[in-house]
Amino acid sequence: MEFRKIPPTAPLPAAPPVDPDAQTRETLRLMAKRYLHGARGVLYITGSLMFVISLGDFLTTSGLLGNQPGGAGAVFARWSASGLEFEEWLAAVNVLLGLFVVSCGWLVLVMPRTATILPAVLLTVNAATALALTIGSGRPPGITTAVLQVCLAALTFKAISEALAFHREAQNLRELIRGAAILRNRKRDR
């Protein structure tokens, strides 16, 4: 069997020049997808648990599930007359907090430290506020909700540690790319 060399029909295109800023952005984007995958999952799971449990609590305390006499029509009439009650407000805030934590899971690739530290702080502050308000008002305390929020805040510490590790790696990578660009410029000037 005989192999013949085929002559090229056109010259190969030249490689585009390397832009260090574009290279850094692309590398950091790929690193974020790889390193922050676990943090993103933790925030999604934490926010989803908070949302589902708080939504169930809100539907139960507000009477929309039929726990209070008079049905849903009486509940809506009570809401329009006197507004939401204390427990209903806490449950509604917890539902919104769950949605916020889920949205932080979506934003963790863009701003990793803020999107992981903020949910932990908000969950802890909300748990402390709920306990202080329920104990101070003399109503039955929402201890189960507060314990749930503290446990979920503890889960987010794993996401915080991953975000901080990613930030350190990103700083090292930026320094390496900047150093390589400086060396390349010095060699070009010689």
C-alpha atoms as a PDB file:
ATOM      1  CA  MET A   1       0.000   0.000   0.000  1.00  0.00           C
ATOM      2  CA  GLU A   2       1.363   3.363  -0.945  1.00  0.00           C
ATOM      3  CA  PHE A   3       0.785   6.665   0.927  1.00  0.00           C
ATOM      4  CA  ARG A   4       1.084   9.873  -0.975  1.00  0.00           C
ATOM      5  CA  LYS A   5       1.565  13.245   0.530  1.00  0.00           C
ATOM      6  CA  ILE A   6      -1.299  15.584  -0.334  1.00  0.00           C
ATOM      7  CA  PRO A   7      -0.132  19.148  -0.870  1.00  0.00           C
ATOM      8  CA  PRO A   8      -1.985  21.778   1.165  1.00  0.00           C
ATOM      9  CA  THR A   9      -4.422  23.832  -0.837  1.00  0.00           C
ATOM     10  CA  ALA A  10      -4.249  26.922   1.360  1.00  0.00           C
ATOM     11  CA  PRO A  11      -1.985  28.083   4.141  1.00  0.00           C
ATOM     12  CA  LEU A  12      -3.134  27.353   7.670  1.00  0.00           C
ATOM     13  CA  PRO A  13      -4.621  30.336   9.487  1.00  0.00           C
ATOM     14  CA  ALA A  14      -2.418  32.012  12.045  1.00  0.00           C
ATOM     15  CA  ALA A  15      -3.238  31.526  15.703  1.00  0.00           C
ATOM     16  CA  PRO A  16      -4.997  34.537  17.197  1.00  0.00           C
ATOM     17  CA  PRO A  17      -2.981  36.575  19.660  1.00  0.00           C
ATOM     18  CA  VAL A  18      -3.486  35.663  23.283  1.00  0.00           C
ATOM     19  CA  ASP A  19      -5.284  38.277  25.354  1.00  0.00           C
ATOM     20  CA  PRO A  20      -4.407  37.753  29.049  1.00  0.00           C
ATOM     21  CA  ASP A  21      -7.639  39.352  30.272  1.00  0.00           C
ATOM     22  CA  ALA A  22      -9.820  37.147  28.075  1.00  0.00           C
ATOM     23  CA  GLN A  23      -7.776  34.117  29.047  1.00  0.00           C
ATOM     24  CA  THR A  24      -8.168  34.945  32.730  1.00  0.00           C
ATOM     25  CA  ARG A  25     -11.937  35.455  32.451  1.00  0.00           C
ATOM     26  CA  GLU A  26     -12.458  32.206  30.576  1.00  0.00           C
ATOM     27  CA  THR A  27     -10.258  30.239  32.952  1.00  0.00           C
ATOM     28  CA  LEU A  28     -12.026  31.664  35.999  1.00  0.00           C
ATOM     29  CA  ARG A  29     -15.426  30.898  34.484  1.00  0.00           C
ATOM     30  CA  LEU A  30     -14.433  27.279  33.909  1.00  0.00           C
ATOM     31  CA  MET A  31     -12.888  27.040  37.383  1.00  0.00           C
ATOM     32  CA  ALA A  32     -16.034  28.459  38.969  1.00  0.00           C
ATOM     33  CA  LYS A  33     -18.192  25.851  37.280  1.00  0.00           C
ATOM     34  CA  ARG A  34     -15.896  23.115  38.523  1.00  0.00           C
ATOM     35  CA  TYR A  35     -15.062  24.267  42.047  1.00  0.00           C
ATOM     36  CA  LEU A  36     -18.362  25.853  43.033  1.00  0.00           C
ATOM     37  CA  HIS A  37     -20.586  23.005  41.880  1.00  0.00           C
ATOM     38  CA  GLY A  38     -20.920  21.670  45.437  1.00  0.00           C
ATOM     39  CA  ALA A  39     -21.576  25.101  46.917  1.00  0.00           C
ATOM     40  CA  ARG A  40     -24.279  25.693  44.362  1.00  0.00           C
ATOM     41  CA  GLY A  41     -25.935  22.381  45.202  1.00  0.00           C
ATOM     42  CA  VAL A  42     -25.794  23.071  48.941  1.00  0.00           C
ATOM     43  CA  LEU A  43     -27.482  26.440  48.455  1.00  0.00           C
ATOM     44  CA  TYR A  44     -30.153  24.934  46.179  1.00  0.00           C
ATOM     45  CA  ILE A  45     -30.916  22.176  48.685  1.00  0.00           C
ATOM     46  CA  THR A  46     -30.877  24.545  51.669  1.00  0.00           C
ATOM     47  CA  GLY A  47     -33.138  27.070  49.958  1.00  0.00           C
ATOM     48  CA  SER A  48     -35.518  24.413  48.701  1.00  0.00           C
ATOM     49  CA  LEU A  49     -35.864  22.847  52.147  1.00  0.00           C
ATOM     50  CA  MET A  50     -36.426  26.252  53.711  1.00  0.00           C
ATOM     51  CA  PHE A  51     -38.988  27.184  51.059  1.00  0.00           C
ATOM     52  CA  VAL A  52     -40.992  23.944  51.220  1.00  0.00           C
ATOM     53  CA  ILE A  53     -41.075  23.691  55.012  1.00  0.00           C
ATOM     54  CA  SER A  54     -41.887  27.393  55.431  1.00  0.00           C
ATOM     55  CA  LEU A  55     -44.573  27.252  52.757  1.00  0.00           C
ATOM     56  CA  GLY A  56     -46.189  24.356  54.594  1.00  0.00           C
ATOM     57  CA  ASP A  57     -45.929  26.317  57.840  1.00  0.00           C
ATOM     58  CA  PHE A  58     -47.451  29.385  56.190  1.00  0.00           C
ATOM     59  CA  LEU A  59     -50.340  27.404  54.698  1.00  0.00           C
ATOM     60  CA  THR A  60     -50.977  25.735  58.045  1.00  0.00           C
ATOM     61  CA  THR A  61     -50.840  28.871  60.212  1.00  0.00           C
ATOM     62  CA  SER A  62     -52.837  30.978  57.791  1.00  0.00           C
ATOM     63  CA  GLY A  63     -55.655  28.476  57.568  1.00  0.00           C
ATOM     64  CA  LEU A  64     -55.488  28.033  53.816  1.00  0.00           C
ATOM     65  CA  LEU A  65     -55.271  24.265  54.292  1.00  0.00           C
ATOM     66  CA  GLY A  66     -58.605  24.286  56.107  1.00  0.00           C
ATOM     67  CA  ASN A  67     -57.333  24.113  59.689  1.00  0.00           C
ATOM     68  CA  GLN A  68     -59.426  27.029  60.897  1.00  0.00           C
ATOM     69  CA  PRO A  69     -63.228  27.044  60.997  1.00  0.00           C
ATOM     70  CA  GLY A  70     -65.021  28.852  58.232  1.00  0.00           C
ATOM     71  CA  GLY A  71     -62.876  27.672  55.313  1.00  0.00           C
ATOM     72  CA  ALA A  72     -60.767  29.749  52.982  1.00  0.00           C
ATOM     73  CA  GLY A  73     -63.404  32.493  52.590  1.00  0.00           C
ATOM     74  CA  ALA A  74     -63.284  33.240  56.312  1.00  0.00           C
ATOM     75  CA  VAL A  75     -59.488  33.287  56.201  1.00  0.00           C
ATOM     76  CA  PHE A  76     -59.437  35.863  53.396  1.00  0.00           C
ATOM     77  CA  ALA A  77     -62.040  37.957  55.221  1.00  0.00           C
ATOM     78  CA  ARG A  78     -59.903  37.826  58.390  1.00  0.00           C
ATOM     79  CA  TRP A  79     -56.805  38.865  56.395  1.00  0.00           C
ATOM     80  CA  SER A  80     -58.565  41.834  54.863  1.00  0.00           C
ATOM     81  CA  ALA A  81     -59.979  42.918  58.231  1.00  0.00           C
ATOM     82  CA  SER A  82     -57.013  42.627  60.563  1.00  0.00           C
ATOM     83  CA  GLY A  83     -54.026  41.752  58.421  1.00  0.00           C
ATOM     84  CA  LEU A  84     -51.653  38.842  58.917  1.00  0.00           C
ATOM     85  CA  GLU A  85     -50.995  37.506  62.381  1.00  0.00           C
ATOM     86  CA  PHE A  86     -47.571  37.231  64.001  1.00  0.00           C
ATOM     87  CA  GLU A  87     -46.982  33.559  63.129  1.00  0.00           C
ATOM     88  CA  GLU A  88     -48.183  34.143  59.581  1.00  0.00           C
ATOM     89  CA  TRP A  89     -45.695  36.987  59.124  1.00  0.00           C
ATOM     90  CA  LEU A  90     -42.837  34.796  60.358  1.00  0.00           C
ATOM     91  CA  ALA A  91     -43.848  32.004  57.998  1.00  0.00           C
ATOM     92  CA  ALA A  92     -44.174  34.411  55.043  1.00  0.00           C
ATOM     93  CA  VAL A  93     -40.715  35.863  55.738  1.00  0.00           C
ATOM     94  CA  ASN A  94     -39.300  32.340  55.900  1.00  0.00           C
ATOM     95  CA  VAL A  95     -40.839  31.517  52.503  1.00  0.00           C
ATOM     96  CA  LEU A  96     -39.190  34.591  50.994  1.00  0.00           C
ATOM     97  CA  LEU A  97     -35.911  33.687  52.694  1.00  0.00           C
ATOM     98  CA  GLY A  98     -36.035  30.234  51.118  1.00  0.00           C
ATOM     99  CA  LEU A  99     -36.516  31.792  47.679  1.00  0.00           C
ATOM    100  CA  PHE A 100     -33.624  34.158  48.359  1.00  0.00           C
ATOM    101  CA  VAL A 101     -31.290  31.277  49.280  1.00  0.00           C
ATOM    102  CA  VAL A 102     -32.241  29.455  46.063  1.00  0.00           C
ATOM    103  CA  SER A 103     -31.464  32.607  44.071  1.00  0.00           C
ATOM    104  CA  CYS A 104     -28.092  32.845  45.849  1.00  0.00           C
ATOM    105  CA  GLY A 105     -27.379  29.330  44.594  1.00  0.00           C
ATOM    106  CA  TRP A 106     -27.958  30.660  41.108  1.00  0.00           C
ATOM    107  CA  LEU A 107     -25.678  33.655  41.706  1.00  0.00           C
ATOM    108  CA  VAL A 108     -22.819  31.726  43.329  1.00  0.00           C
ATOM    109  CA  LEU A 109     -20.902  31.479  40.044  1.00  0.00           C
ATOM    110  CA  VAL A 110     -20.901  35.253  39.625  1.00  0.00           C
ATOM    111  CA  MET A 111     -20.134  36.395  43.161  1.00  0.00           C
ATOM    112  CA  PRO A 112     -19.157  33.352  45.227  1.00  0.00           C
ATOM    113  CA  ARG A 113     -18.270  34.886  48.591  1.00  0.00           C
ATOM    114  CA  THR A 114     -21.300  37.172  48.831  1.00  0.00           C
ATOM    115  CA  ALA A 115     -23.728  34.528  47.567  1.00  0.00           C
ATOM    116  CA  THR A 116     -22.583  32.035  50.216  1.00  0.00           C
ATOM    117  CA  ILE A 117     -22.002  34.258  53.249  1.00  0.00           C
ATOM    118  CA  LEU A 118     -25.235  36.259  52.946  1.00  0.00           C
ATOM    119  CA  PRO A 119     -27.623  33.251  53.217  1.00  0.00           C
ATOM    120  CA  ALA A 120     -25.783  31.940  56.297  1.00  0.00           C
ATOM    121  CA  VAL A 121     -25.995  35.323  57.990  1.00  0.00           C
ATOM    122  CA  LEU A 122     -29.659  35.825  57.057  1.00  0.00           C
ATOM    123  CA  LEU A 123     -30.661  32.342  58.238  1.00  0.00           C
ATOM    124  CA  THR A 124     -28.891  32.842  61.566  1.00  0.00           C
ATOM    125  CA  VAL A 125     -30.306  36.346  62.105  1.00  0.00           C
ATOM    126  CA  ASN A 126     -33.799  35.202  61.137  1.00  0.00           C
ATOM    127  CA  ALA A 127     -33.631  32.284  63.577  1.00  0.00           C
ATOM    128  CA  ALA A 128     -32.449  34.551  66.407  1.00  0.00           C
ATOM    129  CA  THR A 129     -35.109  37.151  65.588  1.00  0.00           C
ATOM    130  CA  ALA A 130     -37.878  34.548  65.444  1.00  0.00           C
ATOM    131  CA  LEU A 131     -36.860  33.148  68.830  1.00  0.00           C
ATOM    132  CA  ALA A 132     -36.578  36.588  70.408  1.00  0.00           C
ATOM    133  CA  LEU A 133     -39.971  37.694  69.069  1.00  0.00           C
ATOM    134  CA  THR A 134     -41.799  34.523  70.034  1.00  0.00           C
ATOM    135  CA  ILE A 135     -40.286  34.408  73.525  1.00  0.00           C
ATOM    136  CA  GLY A 136     -40.869  38.136  74.064  1.00  0.00           C
ATOM    137  CA  SER A 137     -44.483  38.038  72.923  1.00  0.00           C
ATOM    138  CA  GLY A 138     -45.471  35.110  75.139  1.00  0.00           C
ATOM    139  CA  ARG A 139     -46.857  33.150  72.211  1.00  0.00           C
ATOM    140  CA  PRO A 140     -45.782  29.584  71.561  1.00  0.00           C
ATOM    141  CA  PRO A 141     -42.237  29.803  70.255  1.00  0.00           C
ATOM    142  CA  GLY A 142     -41.362  28.655  66.779  1.00  0.00           C
ATOM    143  CA  ILE A 143     -38.442  26.658  68.116  1.00  0.00           C
ATOM    144  CA  THR A 144     -38.683  24.014  65.407  1.00  0.00           C
ATOM    145  CA  THR A 145     -38.429  26.642  62.667  1.00  0.00           C
ATOM    146  CA  ALA A 146     -35.520  28.340  64.429  1.00  0.00           C
ATOM    147  CA  VAL A 147     -33.680  25.035  64.893  1.00  0.00           C
ATOM    148  CA  LEU A 148     -34.296  24.245  61.231  1.00  0.00           C
ATOM    149  CA  GLN A 149     -32.839  27.599  60.206  1.00  0.00           C
ATOM    150  CA  VAL A 150     -29.763  27.130  62.394  1.00  0.00           C
ATOM    151  CA  CYS A 151     -29.199  23.661  60.889  1.00  0.00           C
ATOM    152  CA  LEU A 152     -29.580  25.049  57.378  1.00  0.00           C
ATOM    153  CA  ALA A 153     -27.173  27.884  58.235  1.00  0.00           C
ATOM    154  CA  ALA A 154     -24.677  25.244  59.400  1.00  0.00           C
ATOM    155  CA  LEU A 155     -25.070  23.511  56.021  1.00  0.00           C
ATOM    156  CA  THR A 156     -24.132  26.702  54.233  1.00  0.00           C
ATOM    157  CA  PHE A 157     -20.748  26.775  56.001  1.00  0.00           C
ATOM    158  CA  LYS A 158     -19.613  24.063  53.567  1.00  0.00           C
ATOM    159  CA  ALA A 159     -20.546  26.364  50.694  1.00  0.00           C
ATOM    160  CA  ILE A 160     -18.695  29.243  52.362  1.00  0.00           C
ATOM    161  CA  SER A 161     -15.516  27.191  52.706  1.00  0.00           C
ATOM    162  CA  GLU A 162     -15.707  26.179  49.025  1.00  0.00           C
ATOM    163  CA  ALA A 163     -16.234  29.792  47.942  1.00  0.00           C
ATOM    164  CA  LEU A 164     -13.274  30.993  49.994  1.00  0.00           C
ATOM    165  CA  ALA A 165     -11.071  28.210  48.594  1.00  0.00           C
ATOM    166  CA  PHE A 166     -12.140  29.167  45.080  1.00  0.00           C
ATOM    167  CA  HIS A 167     -11.288  32.802  45.800  1.00  0.00           C
ATOM    168  CA  ARG A 168      -7.771  31.820  46.920  1.00  0.00           C
ATOM    169  CA  GLU A 169      -7.271  29.674  43.811  1.00  0.00           C
ATOM    170  CA  ALA A 170      -8.567  32.474  41.589  1.00  0.00           C
ATOM    171  CA  GLN A 171      -6.114  34.929  43.141  1.00  0.00           C
ATOM    172  CA  ASN A 172      -3.243  32.492  42.531  1.00  0.00           C
ATOM    173  CA  LEU A 173      -4.351  31.987  38.945  1.00  0.00           C
ATOM    174  CA  ARG A 174      -4.575  35.735  38.308  1.00  0.00           C
ATOM    175  CA  GLU A 175      -1.039  36.161  39.634  1.00  0.00           C
ATOM    176  CA  LEU A 176       0.261  33.340  37.432  1.00  0.00           C
ATOM    177  CA  ILE A 177      -1.359  34.721  34.286  1.00  0.00           C
ATOM    178  CA  ARG A 178      -0.183  38.247  35.097  1.00  0.00           C
ATOM    179  CA  GLY A 179       3.368  36.989  35.696  1.00  0.00           C
ATOM    180  CA  ALA A 180       3.319  35.065  32.405  1.00  0.00           C
ATOM    181  CA  ALA A 181       2.110  38.171  30.576  1.00  0.00           C
ATOM    182  CA  ILE A 182       4.913  40.254  32.108  1.00  0.00           C
ATOM    183  CA  LEU A 183       7.510  37.681  31.031  1.00  0.00           C
ATOM    184  CA  ARG A 184       6.036  37.537  27.539  1.00  0.00           C
ATOM    185  CA  ASN A 185       6.204  41.334  27.247  1.00  0.00           C
ATOM    186  CA  ARG A 186       9.823  41.396  28.449  1.00  0.00           C
ATOM    187  CA  LYS A 187      10.834  38.754  25.912  1.00  0.00           C
ATOM    188  CA  ARG A 188       9.060  40.667  23.161  1.00  0.00           C
ATOM    189  CA  ASP A 189      10.900  43.901  24.088  1.00  0.00           C
ATOM    190  CA  ARG A 190      14.344  42.241  23.863  1.00  0.00           C
END
